[in-house]
Structures are given as structure tokens and as C-alpha cells.
PDB file of N, CA and C in Angstrom:
ATOM      1  N   MET A   1     -12.207 -37.526  13.947  1.00  0.00           N
ATOM      2  CA  MET A   1     -11.867 -38.934  14.099  1.00  0.00           C
ATOM      3  C   MET A   1     -12.914 -39.593  14.997  1.00  0.00           C
ATOM      4  N   ILE A   2     -13.330 -40.776  14.619  1.00  0.00           N
ATOM      5  CA  ILE A   2     -14.301 -41.549  15.384  1.00  0.00           C
ATOM      6  C   ILE A   2     -13.757 -42.970  15.545  1.00  0.00           C
ATOM      7  N   THR A   3     -13.952 -43.549  16.719  1.00  0.00           N
ATOM      8  CA  THR A   3     -13.514 -44.930  16.888  1.00  0.00           C
ATOM      9  C   THR A   3     -14.520 -45.853  16.203  1.00  0.00           C
ATOM     10  N   PHE A   4     -14.070 -47.036  15.888  1.00  0.00           N
ATOM     11  CA  PHE A   4     -14.939 -48.014  15.248  1.00  0.00           C
ATOM     12  C   PHE A   4     -16.133 -48.340  16.153  1.00  0.00           C
ATOM     13  N   LYS A   5     -15.896 -48.485  17.445  1.00  0.00           N
ATOM     14  CA  LYS A   5     -16.985 -48.772  18.388  1.00  0.00           C
ATOM     15  C   LYS A   5     -18.001 -47.638  18.419  1.00  0.00           C
ATOM     16  N   GLU A   6     -17.514 -46.392  18.396  1.00  0.00           N
ATOM     17  CA  GLU A   6     -18.417 -45.243  18.370  1.00  0.00           C
ATOM     18  C   GLU A   6     -19.238 -45.230  17.077  1.00  0.00           C
ATOM     19  N   LEU A   7     -18.599 -45.583  15.975  1.00  0.00           N
ATOM     20  CA  LEU A   7     -19.280 -45.639  14.689  1.00  0.00           C
ATOM     21  C   LEU A   7     -20.436 -46.633  14.735  1.00  0.00           C
ATOM     22  N   LEU A   8     -20.176 -47.820  15.260  1.00  0.00           N
ATOM     23  CA  LEU A   8     -21.224 -48.836  15.355  1.00  0.00           C
ATOM     24  C   LEU A   8     -22.361 -48.375  16.257  1.00  0.00           C
ATOM     25  N   LYS A   9     -22.022 -47.732  17.354  1.00  0.00           N
ATOM     26  CA  LYS A   9     -23.045 -47.223  18.268  1.00  0.00           C
ATOM     27  C   LYS A   9     -23.876 -46.130  17.588  1.00  0.00           C
ATOM     28  N   THR A  10     -23.232 -45.214  16.905  1.00  0.00           N
ATOM     29  CA  THR A  10     -23.912 -44.118  16.220  1.00  0.00           C
ATOM     30  C   THR A  10     -24.822 -44.637  15.110  1.00  0.00           C
ATOM     31  N   SER A  11     -24.417 -45.734  14.465  1.00  0.00           N
ATOM     32  CA  SER A  11     -25.199 -46.275  13.348  1.00  0.00           C
ATOM     33  C   SER A  11     -26.562 -46.809  13.790  1.00  0.00           C
ATOM     34  N   LYS A  12     -26.723 -47.042  15.083  1.00  0.00           N
ATOM     35  CA  LYS A  12     -27.995 -47.575  15.589  1.00  0.00           C
ATOM     36  C   LYS A  12     -29.084 -46.509  15.627  1.00  0.00           C
ATOM     37  N   SER A  13     -28.677 -45.233  15.584  1.00  0.00           N
ATOM     38  CA  SER A  13     -29.675 -44.163  15.661  1.00  0.00           C
ATOM     39  C   SER A  13     -29.543 -43.130  14.538  1.00  0.00           C
ATOM     40  N   ASN A  14     -28.603 -43.330  13.626  1.00  0.00           N
ATOM     41  CA  ASN A  14     -28.381 -42.382  12.540  1.00  0.00           C
ATOM     42  C   ASN A  14     -28.093 -43.110  11.239  1.00  0.00           C
ATOM     43  N   ASP A  15     -28.519 -42.501  10.125  1.00  0.00           N
ATOM     44  CA  ASP A  15     -28.158 -43.022   8.808  1.00  0.00           C
ATOM     45  C   ASP A  15     -26.718 -42.613   8.516  1.00  0.00           C
ATOM     46  N   ILE A  16     -25.851 -43.609   8.376  1.00  0.00           N
ATOM     47  CA  ILE A  16     -24.426 -43.356   8.140  1.00  0.00           C
ATOM     48  C   ILE A  16     -23.965 -44.213   6.973  1.00  0.00           C
ATOM     49  N   ALA A  17     -23.101 -43.645   6.145  1.00  0.00           N
ATOM     50  CA  ALA A  17     -22.429 -44.398   5.087  1.00  0.00           C
ATOM     51  C   ALA A  17     -20.932 -44.169   5.248  1.00  0.00           C
ATOM     52  N   ILE A  18     -20.157 -45.222   5.025  1.00  0.00           N
ATOM     53  CA  ILE A  18     -18.703 -45.123   5.125  1.00  0.00           C
ATOM     54  C   ILE A  18     -18.138 -45.156   3.715  1.00  0.00           C
ATOM     55  N   HIS A  19     -17.417 -44.103   3.363  1.00  0.00           N
ATOM     56  CA  HIS A  19     -16.828 -43.986   2.032  1.00  0.00           C
ATOM     57  C   HIS A  19     -15.442 -44.625   2.035  1.00  0.00           C
ATOM     58  N   THR A  20     -15.233 -45.581   1.120  1.00  0.00           N
ATOM     59  CA  THR A  20     -13.950 -46.268   0.993  1.00  0.00           C
ATOM     60  C   THR A  20     -13.413 -46.053  -0.427  1.00  0.00           C
ATOM     61  N   PRO A  21     -12.546 -45.063  -0.623  1.00  0.00           N
ATOM     62  CA  PRO A  21     -12.037 -44.776  -1.961  1.00  0.00           C
ATOM     63  C   PRO A  21     -11.144 -45.861  -2.571  1.00  0.00           C
ATOM     64  N   THR A  22     -10.666 -46.809  -1.759  1.00  0.00           N
ATOM     65  CA  THR A  22      -9.837 -47.891  -2.298  1.00  0.00           C
ATOM     66  C   THR A  22     -10.415 -49.241  -1.886  1.00  0.00           C
ATOM     67  N   GLU A  23     -10.125 -50.252  -2.681  1.00  0.00           N
ATOM     68  CA  GLU A  23     -10.618 -51.594  -2.337  1.00  0.00           C
ATOM     69  C   GLU A  23      -9.921 -52.125  -1.087  1.00  0.00           C
ATOM     70  N   ASP A  24      -8.674 -51.756  -0.871  1.00  0.00           N
ATOM     71  CA  ASP A  24      -7.989 -52.181   0.356  1.00  0.00           C
ATOM     72  C   ASP A  24      -8.716 -51.646   1.589  1.00  0.00           C
ATOM     73  N   GLN A  25      -9.170 -50.391   1.528  1.00  0.00           N
ATOM     74  CA  GLN A  25      -9.928 -49.825   2.645  1.00  0.00           C
ATOM     75  C   GLN A  25     -11.243 -50.586   2.820  1.00  0.00           C
ATOM     76  N   ALA A  26     -11.892 -50.913   1.712  1.00  0.00           N
ATOM     77  CA  ALA A  26     -13.145 -51.668   1.777  1.00  0.00           C
ATOM     78  C   ALA A  26     -12.921 -53.014   2.462  1.00  0.00           C
ATOM     79  N   LYS A  27     -11.843 -53.686   2.120  1.00  0.00           N
ATOM     80  CA  LYS A  27     -11.544 -54.994   2.719  1.00  0.00           C
ATOM     81  C   LYS A  27     -11.334 -54.878   4.222  1.00  0.00           C
ATOM     82  N   ILE A  28     -10.636 -53.839   4.651  1.00  0.00           N
ATOM     83  CA  ILE A  28     -10.397 -53.637   6.087  1.00  0.00           C
ATOM     84  C   ILE A  28     -11.717 -53.373   6.801  1.00  0.00           C
ATOM     85  N   LEU A  29     -12.520 -52.464   6.256  1.00  0.00           N
ATOM     86  CA  LEU A  29     -13.804 -52.134   6.866  1.00  0.00           C
ATOM     87  C   LEU A  29     -14.709 -53.360   6.957  1.00  0.00           C
ATOM     88  N   LEU A  30     -14.845 -54.070   5.856  1.00  0.00           N
ATOM     89  CA  LEU A  30     -15.733 -55.247   5.838  1.00  0.00           C
ATOM     90  C   LEU A  30     -15.248 -56.343   6.776  1.00  0.00           C
ATOM     91  N   SER A  31     -13.943 -56.483   6.905  1.00  0.00           N
ATOM     92  CA  SER A  31     -13.383 -57.463   7.838  1.00  0.00           C
ATOM     93  C   SER A  31     -13.750 -57.101   9.277  1.00  0.00           C
ATOM     94  N   GLU A  32     -13.628 -55.826   9.612  1.00  0.00           N
ATOM     95  CA  GLU A  32     -13.961 -55.389  10.972  1.00  0.00           C
ATOM     96  C   GLU A  32     -15.461 -55.518  11.240  1.00  0.00           C
ATOM     97  N   LEU A  33     -16.274 -55.176  10.252  1.00  0.00           N
ATOM     98  CA  LEU A  33     -17.722 -55.336  10.411  1.00  0.00           C
ATOM     99  C   LEU A  33     -18.098 -56.814  10.549  1.00  0.00           C
ATOM    100  N   ASP A  34     -17.415 -57.669   9.789  1.00  0.00           N
ATOM    101  CA  ASP A  34     -17.644 -59.107   9.875  1.00  0.00           C
ATOM    102  C   ASP A  34     -17.347 -59.616  11.289  1.00  0.00           C
ATOM    103  N   LYS A  35     -16.239 -59.163  11.852  1.00  0.00           N
ATOM    104  CA  LYS A  35     -15.872 -59.561  13.219  1.00  0.00           C
ATOM    105  C   LYS A  35     -16.916 -59.105  14.235  1.00  0.00           C
ATOM    106  N   SER A  36     -17.649 -58.051  13.890  1.00  0.00           N
ATOM    107  CA  SER A  36     -18.674 -57.508  14.787  1.00  0.00           C
ATOM    108  C   SER A  36     -20.049 -58.114  14.530  1.00  0.00           C
ATOM    109  N   GLY A  37     -20.116 -59.126  13.661  1.00  0.00           N
ATOM    110  CA  GLY A  37     -21.356 -59.854  13.453  1.00  0.00           C
ATOM    111  C   GLY A  37     -22.224 -59.366  12.307  1.00  0.00           C
ATOM    112  N   TYR A  38     -21.724 -58.469  11.486  1.00  0.00           N
ATOM    113  CA  TYR A  38     -22.502 -57.961  10.356  1.00  0.00           C
ATOM    114  C   TYR A  38     -22.368 -58.882   9.148  1.00  0.00           C
ATOM    115  N   VAL A  39     -23.401 -58.881   8.299  1.00  0.00           N
ATOM    116  CA  VAL A  39     -23.428 -59.655   7.057  1.00  0.00           C
ATOM    117  C   VAL A  39     -24.014 -58.769   5.960  1.00  0.00           C
ATOM    118  N   TRP A  40     -23.876 -59.218   4.713  1.00  0.00           N
ATOM    119  CA  TRP A  40     -24.553 -58.537   3.611  1.00  0.00           C
ATOM    120  C   TRP A  40     -26.052 -58.700   3.801  1.00  0.00           C
ATOM    121  N   ALA A  41     -26.838 -57.794   3.259  1.00  0.00           N
ATOM    122  CA  ALA A  41     -28.301 -57.849   3.391  1.00  0.00           C
ATOM    123  C   ALA A  41     -28.873 -59.164   2.851  1.00  0.00           C
ATOM    124  N   ASP A  42     -28.154 -59.801   1.908  1.00  0.00           N
ATOM    125  CA  ASP A  42     -28.623 -61.096   1.384  1.00  0.00           C
ATOM    126  C   ASP A  42     -28.154 -62.262   2.242  1.00  0.00           C
ATOM    127  N   GLY A  43     -27.475 -61.974   3.353  1.00  0.00           N
ATOM    128  CA  GLY A  43     -27.028 -63.004   4.286  1.00  0.00           C
ATOM    129  C   GLY A  43     -25.620 -63.514   4.056  1.00  0.00           C
ATOM    130  N   ASP A  44     -25.000 -63.123   2.938  1.00  0.00           N
ATOM    131  CA  ASP A  44     -23.636 -63.570   2.655  1.00  0.00           C
ATOM    132  C   ASP A  44     -22.633 -62.935   3.616  1.00  0.00           C
ATOM    133  N   LYS A  45     -21.530 -63.621   3.797  1.00  0.00           N
ATOM    134  CA  LYS A  45     -20.441 -63.143   4.647  1.00  0.00           C
ATOM    135  C   LYS A  45     -19.762 -61.937   3.988  1.00  0.00           C
ATOM    136  N   LEU A  46     -19.494 -60.892   4.764  1.00  0.00           N
ATOM    137  CA  LEU A  46     -18.906 -59.665   4.228  1.00  0.00           C
ATOM    138  C   LEU A  46     -17.528 -59.873   3.611  1.00  0.00           C
ATOM    139  N   THR A  47     -16.788 -60.818   4.140  1.00  0.00           N
ATOM    140  CA  THR A  47     -15.423 -61.016   3.654  1.00  0.00           C
ATOM    141  C   THR A  47     -15.363 -61.877   2.394  1.00  0.00           C
ATOM    142  N   ASP A  48     -16.518 -62.393   1.930  1.00  0.00           N
ATOM    143  CA  ASP A  48     -16.526 -63.189   0.702  1.00  0.00           C
ATOM    144  C   ASP A  48     -16.399 -62.332  -0.544  1.00  0.00           C
ATOM    145  N   LYS A  49     -16.906 -61.100  -0.484  1.00  0.00           N
ATOM    146  CA  LYS A  49     -16.824 -60.182  -1.627  1.00  0.00           C
ATOM    147  C   LYS A  49     -16.991 -58.752  -1.131  1.00  0.00           C
ATOM    148  N   THR A  50     -16.274 -57.838  -1.775  1.00  0.00           N
ATOM    149  CA  THR A  50     -16.351 -56.429  -1.358  1.00  0.00           C
ATOM    150  C   THR A  50     -17.445 -55.669  -2.090  1.00  0.00           C
ATOM    151  N   ARG A  51     -17.790 -56.132  -3.272  1.00  0.00           N
ATOM    152  CA  ARG A  51     -18.738 -55.453  -4.152  1.00  0.00           C
ATOM    153  C   ARG A  51     -18.234 -54.067  -4.549  1.00  0.00           C
ATOM    154  N   TYR A  52     -16.943 -53.875  -4.391  1.00  0.00           N
ATOM    155  CA  TYR A  52     -16.286 -52.605  -4.692  1.00  0.00           C
ATOM    156  C   TYR A  52     -16.327 -52.273  -6.183  1.00  0.00           C
ATOM    157  N   GLU A  53     -16.300 -53.302  -7.022  1.00  0.00           N
ATOM    158  CA  GLU A  53     -16.198 -53.088  -8.472  1.00  0.00           C
ATOM    159  C   GLU A  53     -17.386 -52.326  -9.058  1.00  0.00           C
ATOM    160  N   THR A  54     -18.499 -52.291  -8.364  1.00  0.00           N
ATOM    161  CA  THR A  54     -19.683 -51.607  -8.878  1.00  0.00           C
ATOM    162  C   THR A  54     -19.496 -50.093  -8.935  1.00  0.00           C
ATOM    163  N   PHE A  55     -18.995 -49.511  -7.851  1.00  0.00           N
ATOM    164  CA  PHE A  55     -18.841 -48.057  -7.780  1.00  0.00           C
ATOM    165  C   PHE A  55     -17.385 -47.608  -7.633  1.00  0.00           C
ATOM    166  N   GLU A  56     -16.481 -48.569  -7.456  1.00  0.00           N
ATOM    167  CA  GLU A  56     -15.049 -48.320  -7.297  1.00  0.00           C
ATOM    168  C   GLU A  56     -14.773 -47.214  -6.285  1.00  0.00           C
ATOM    169  N   GLU A  57     -14.040 -46.158  -6.657  1.00  0.00           N
ATOM    170  CA  GLU A  57     -13.622 -45.156  -5.669  1.00  0.00           C
ATOM    171  C   GLU A  57     -14.797 -44.378  -5.067  1.00  0.00           C
ATOM    172  N   ASP A  58     -15.989 -44.555  -5.593  1.00  0.00           N
ATOM    173  CA  ASP A  58     -17.178 -43.905  -5.041  1.00  0.00           C
ATOM    174  C   ASP A  58     -18.004 -44.843  -4.159  1.00  0.00           C
ATOM    175  N   THR A  59     -17.434 -45.983  -3.761  1.00  0.00           N
ATOM    176  CA  THR A  59     -18.165 -46.973  -2.970  1.00  0.00           C
ATOM    177  C   THR A  59     -18.366 -46.508  -1.531  1.00  0.00           C
ATOM    178  N   CYS A  60     -19.590 -46.678  -1.071  1.00  0.00           N
ATOM    179  CA  CYS A  60     -19.938 -46.440   0.327  1.00  0.00           C
ATOM    180  C   CYS A  60     -20.640 -47.681   0.868  1.00  0.00           C
ATOM    181  N   TYR A  61     -20.457 -47.915   2.149  1.00  0.00           N
ATOM    182  CA  TYR A  61     -21.130 -49.021   2.829  1.00  0.00           C
ATOM    183  C   TYR A  61     -21.980 -48.429   3.943  1.00  0.00           C
ATOM    184  N   GLY A  62     -23.202 -48.912   4.037  1.00  0.00           N
ATOM    185  CA  GLY A  62     -24.119 -48.401   5.049  1.00  0.00           C
ATOM    186  C   GLY A  62     -24.783 -49.520   5.810  1.00  0.00           C
ATOM    187  N   PHE A  63     -25.463 -49.132   6.855  1.00  0.00           N
ATOM    188  CA  PHE A  63     -26.126 -50.069   7.752  1.00  0.00           C
ATOM    189  C   PHE A  63     -27.593 -50.162   7.374  1.00  0.00           C
ATOM    190  N   ASN A  64     -28.092 -51.369   7.186  1.00  0.00           N
ATOM    191  CA  ASN A  64     -29.488 -51.597   6.838  1.00  0.00           C
ATOM    192  C   ASN A  64     -30.302 -51.678   8.117  1.00  0.00           C
ATOM    193  N   GLY A  65     -31.059 -50.643   8.385  1.00  0.00           N
ATOM    194  CA  GLY A  65     -31.862 -50.613   9.605  1.00  0.00           C
ATOM    195  C   GLY A  65     -31.097 -50.008  10.762  1.00  0.00           C
ATOM    196  N   MET A  66     -31.836 -49.655  11.782  1.00  0.00           N
ATOM    197  CA  MET A  66     -31.241 -49.042  12.969  1.00  0.00           C
ATOM    198  C   MET A  66     -31.814 -49.713  14.212  1.00  0.00           C
ATOM    199  N   GLY A  67     -31.287 -49.389  15.336  1.00  0.00           N
ATOM    200  CA  GLY A  67     -31.784 -49.948  16.591  1.00  0.00           C
ATOM    201  C   GLY A  67     -31.510 -51.433  16.685  1.00  0.00           C
ATOM    202  N   ASP A  68     -32.549 -52.210  16.918  1.00  0.00           N
ATOM    203  CA  ASP A  68     -32.405 -53.653  17.092  1.00  0.00           C
ATOM    204  C   ASP A  68     -32.592 -54.431  15.797  1.00  0.00           C
ATOM    205  N   MET A  69     -32.493 -53.762  14.674  1.00  0.00           N
ATOM    206  CA  MET A  69     -32.635 -54.418  13.375  1.00  0.00           C
ATOM    207  C   MET A  69     -31.471 -55.397  13.178  1.00  0.00           C
ATOM    208  N   PRO A  70     -31.615 -56.328  12.231  1.00  0.00           N
ATOM    209  CA  PRO A  70     -30.499 -57.245  11.940  1.00  0.00           C
ATOM    210  C   PRO A  70     -29.243 -56.471  11.536  1.00  0.00           C
ATOM    211  N   LYS A  71     -28.116 -57.060  11.785  1.00  0.00           N
ATOM    212  CA  LYS A  71     -26.836 -56.418  11.473  1.00  0.00           C
ATOM    213  C   LYS A  71     -26.491 -56.659  10.004  1.00  0.00           C
ATOM    214  N   GLU A  72     -27.091 -55.856   9.137  1.00  0.00           N
ATOM    215  CA  GLU A  72     -26.890 -56.015   7.702  1.00  0.00           C
ATOM    216  C   GLU A  72     -26.200 -54.790   7.105  1.00  0.00           C
ATOM    217  N   ILE A  73     -25.366 -55.053   6.113  1.00  0.00           N
ATOM    218  CA  ILE A  73     -24.619 -53.997   5.418  1.00  0.00           C
ATOM    219  C   ILE A  73     -25.088 -53.928   3.970  1.00  0.00           C
ATOM    220  N   LEU A  74     -25.227 -52.701   3.485  1.00  0.00           N
ATOM    221  CA  LEU A  74     -25.569 -52.429   2.093  1.00  0.00           C
ATOM    222  C   LEU A  74     -24.427 -51.657   1.447  1.00  0.00           C
ATOM    223  N   TYR A  75     -24.362 -51.655   0.131  1.00  0.00           N
ATOM    224  CA  TYR A  75     -23.378 -50.831  -0.553  1.00  0.00           C
ATOM    225  C   TYR A  75     -24.101 -49.938  -1.556  1.00  0.00           C
ATOM    226  N   SER A  76     -23.543 -48.772  -1.782  1.00  0.00           N
ATOM    227  CA  SER A  76     -24.122 -47.811  -2.710  1.00  0.00           C
ATOM    228  C   SER A  76     -23.042 -46.818  -3.117  1.00  0.00           C
ATOM    229  N   SER A  77     -23.422 -45.862  -3.945  1.00  0.00           N
ATOM    230  CA  SER A  77     -22.446 -44.879  -4.421  1.00  0.00           C
ATOM    231  C   SER A  77     -22.402 -43.656  -3.509  1.00  0.00           C
ATOM    232  N   LEU A  78     -21.294 -42.982  -3.559  1.00  0.00           N
ATOM    233  CA  LEU A  78     -21.111 -41.748  -2.804  1.00  0.00           C
ATOM    234  C   LEU A  78     -22.169 -40.726  -3.201  1.00  0.00           C
ATOM    235  N   TRP A  79     -22.389 -40.554  -4.496  1.00  0.00           N
ATOM    236  CA  TRP A  79     -23.351 -39.539  -4.950  1.00  0.00           C
ATOM    237  C   TRP A  79     -24.766 -39.857  -4.476  1.00  0.00           C
ATOM    238  N   TRP A  80     -25.126 -41.133  -4.404  1.00  0.00           N
ATOM    239  CA  TRP A  80     -26.450 -41.524  -3.929  1.00  0.00           C
ATOM    240  C   TRP A  80     -26.639 -41.113  -2.467  1.00  0.00           C
ATOM    241  N   ASN A  81     -25.628 -41.382  -1.653  1.00  0.00           N
ATOM    242  CA  ASN A  81     -25.691 -41.017  -0.241  1.00  0.00           C
ATOM    243  C   ASN A  81     -25.735 -39.504  -0.066  1.00  0.00           C
ATOM    244  N   GLN A  82     -24.984 -38.783  -0.874  1.00  0.00           N
ATOM    245  CA  GLN A  82     -25.007 -37.324  -0.822  1.00  0.00           C
ATOM    246  C   GLN A  82     -26.393 -36.799  -1.201  1.00  0.00           C
ATOM    247  N   ALA A  83     -26.998 -37.394  -2.233  1.00  0.00           N
ATOM    248  CA  ALA A  83     -28.328 -36.967  -2.682  1.00  0.00           C
ATOM    249  C   ALA A  83     -29.380 -37.183  -1.600  1.00  0.00           C
ATOM    250  N   LEU A  84     -29.216 -38.207  -0.791  1.00  0.00           N
ATOM    251  CA  LEU A  84     -30.159 -38.523   0.289  1.00  0.00           C
ATOM    252  C   LEU A  84     -29.801 -37.830   1.610  1.00  0.00           C
ATOM    253  N   ASN A  85     -28.744 -37.011   1.582  1.00  0.00           N
ATOM    254  CA  ASN A  85     -28.275 -36.306   2.784  1.00  0.00           C
ATOM    255  C   ASN A  85     -27.917 -37.242   3.930  1.00  0.00           C
ATOM    256  N   ILE A  86     -27.356 -38.392   3.580  1.00  0.00           N
ATOM    257  CA  ILE A  86     -26.895 -39.349   4.583  1.00  0.00           C
ATOM    258  C   ILE A  86     -25.528 -38.897   5.078  1.00  0.00           C
ATOM    259  N   THR A  87     -25.293 -39.019   6.359  1.00  0.00           N
ATOM    260  CA  THR A  87     -23.998 -38.655   6.926  1.00  0.00           C
ATOM    261  C   THR A  87     -22.934 -39.589   6.375  1.00  0.00           C
ATOM    262  N   ILE A  88     -21.894 -39.003   5.788  1.00  0.00           N
ATOM    263  CA  ILE A  88     -20.811 -39.796   5.201  1.00  0.00           C
ATOM    264  C   ILE A  88     -19.586 -39.684   6.083  1.00  0.00           C
ATOM    265  N   VAL A  89     -19.073 -40.836   6.481  1.00  0.00           N
ATOM    266  CA  VAL A  89     -17.842 -40.922   7.262  1.00  0.00           C
ATOM    267  C   VAL A  89     -16.763 -41.439   6.329  1.00  0.00           C
ATOM    268  N   GLU A  90     -15.663 -40.724   6.254  1.00  0.00           N
ATOM    269  CA  GLU A  90     -14.544 -41.176   5.433  1.00  0.00           C
ATOM    270  C   GLU A  90     -13.798 -42.285   6.165  1.00  0.00           C
ATOM    271  N   PHE A  91     -13.397 -43.301   5.439  1.00  0.00           N
ATOM    272  CA  PHE A  91     -12.666 -44.419   6.026  1.00  0.00           C
ATOM    273  C   PHE A  91     -11.471 -43.917   6.844  1.00  0.00           C
ATOM    274  N   THR A  92     -10.758 -42.917   6.323  1.00  0.00           N
ATOM    275  CA  THR A  92      -9.564 -42.415   6.991  1.00  0.00           C
ATOM    276  C   THR A  92      -9.877 -41.688   8.303  1.00  0.00           C
ATOM    277  N   ASP A  93     -11.161 -41.406   8.563  1.00  0.00           N
ATOM    278  CA  ASP A  93     -11.555 -40.758   9.807  1.00  0.00           C
ATOM    279  C   ASP A  93     -11.973 -41.754  10.892  1.00  0.00           C
ATOM    280  N   ILE A  94     -11.814 -43.048  10.610  1.00  0.00           N
ATOM    281  CA  ILE A  94     -12.183 -44.087  11.572  1.00  0.00           C
ATOM    282  C   ILE A  94     -10.922 -44.626  12.238  1.00  0.00           C
ATOM    283  N   ASN A  95     -10.931 -44.642  13.560  1.00  0.00           N
ATOM    284  CA  ASN A  95      -9.832 -45.222  14.333  1.00  0.00           C
ATOM    285  C   ASN A  95     -10.219 -46.650  14.691  1.00  0.00           C
ATOM    286  N   PHE A  96      -9.554 -47.603  14.058  1.00  0.00           N
ATOM    287  CA  PHE A  96      -9.875 -49.005  14.288  1.00  0.00           C
ATOM    288  C   PHE A  96      -9.164 -49.565  15.516  1.00  0.00           C
ATOM    289  N   LYS A  97      -8.249 -48.812  16.082  1.00  0.00           N
ATOM    290  CA  LYS A  97      -7.553 -49.257  17.303  1.00  0.00           C
ATOM    291  C   LYS A  97      -8.451 -48.942  18.476  1.00  0.00           C
ATOM    292  N   GLU A  98      -8.873 -49.970  19.168  1.00  0.00           N
ATOM    293  CA  GLU A  98      -9.843 -49.811  20.255  1.00  0.00           C
ATOM    294  C   GLU A  98      -9.150 -49.458  21.559  1.00  0.00           C
ATOM    295  N   ASN A  99      -8.551 -48.275  21.604  1.00  0.00           N
ATOM    296  CA  ASN A  99      -7.838 -47.832  22.801  1.00  0.00           C
ATOM    297  C   ASN A  99      -8.741 -47.152  23.795  1.00  0.00           C
ATOM    298  N   THR A 100     -10.001 -46.901  23.400  1.00  0.00           N
ATOM    299  CA  THR A 100     -10.880 -46.141  24.293  1.00  0.00           C
ATOM    300  C   THR A 100     -11.782 -47.050  25.076  1.00  0.00           C
TER     301      THR A 100
END
């Protein structure tokens, strides 16, 4: 289990993709990322569209750039991230309650 804050911190120095097997999970994740100042790589607001329909249950969301790069989110398939050996975090392994 990883907290959402830890996930964001880790994403600054590691390639991470978050796997969301359901569109409801995608909506929750994108909403939280939106609140943290992230946008789609094309500049659109994350909560305007999930882009889930492209890969459906194989949808992953990743961070475009690391360190002080712009806060941009990309989407891709689970198999693509696996092929690139990107660390995959399951949505269900993220604790969105900021108790820490």
C-alpha cells in the first residue's frame, strides 16, 4: 500500500504507471491528480475525459517527465508499460486518505 502523496513524490524520480481496471477507478484517480495540479499532456483538464475507452480494463496512467517537469499525465495500455518494464501500481494499492 502506498499513500497518494508518496506516489506523487515517487513519480518525480521513477517511471510509474497506475493501472485502473475500471472507469470508476480512473475517474477517482484523475480527480485526485487534477486537485494536485496535473493536466493531460495536451493541456486539457483531467476531469474532462478519462480516455478510458481506448484500453478499457487495461488502462494505465503515467506521469510525463520527472523532477521539475510540467505536471502532465499520459495514458497507455498495461501491456505497453509491462513491455517497457515500467513500475505498475494497482489503483487498489493506493491509499487516498491522507492520514500520514
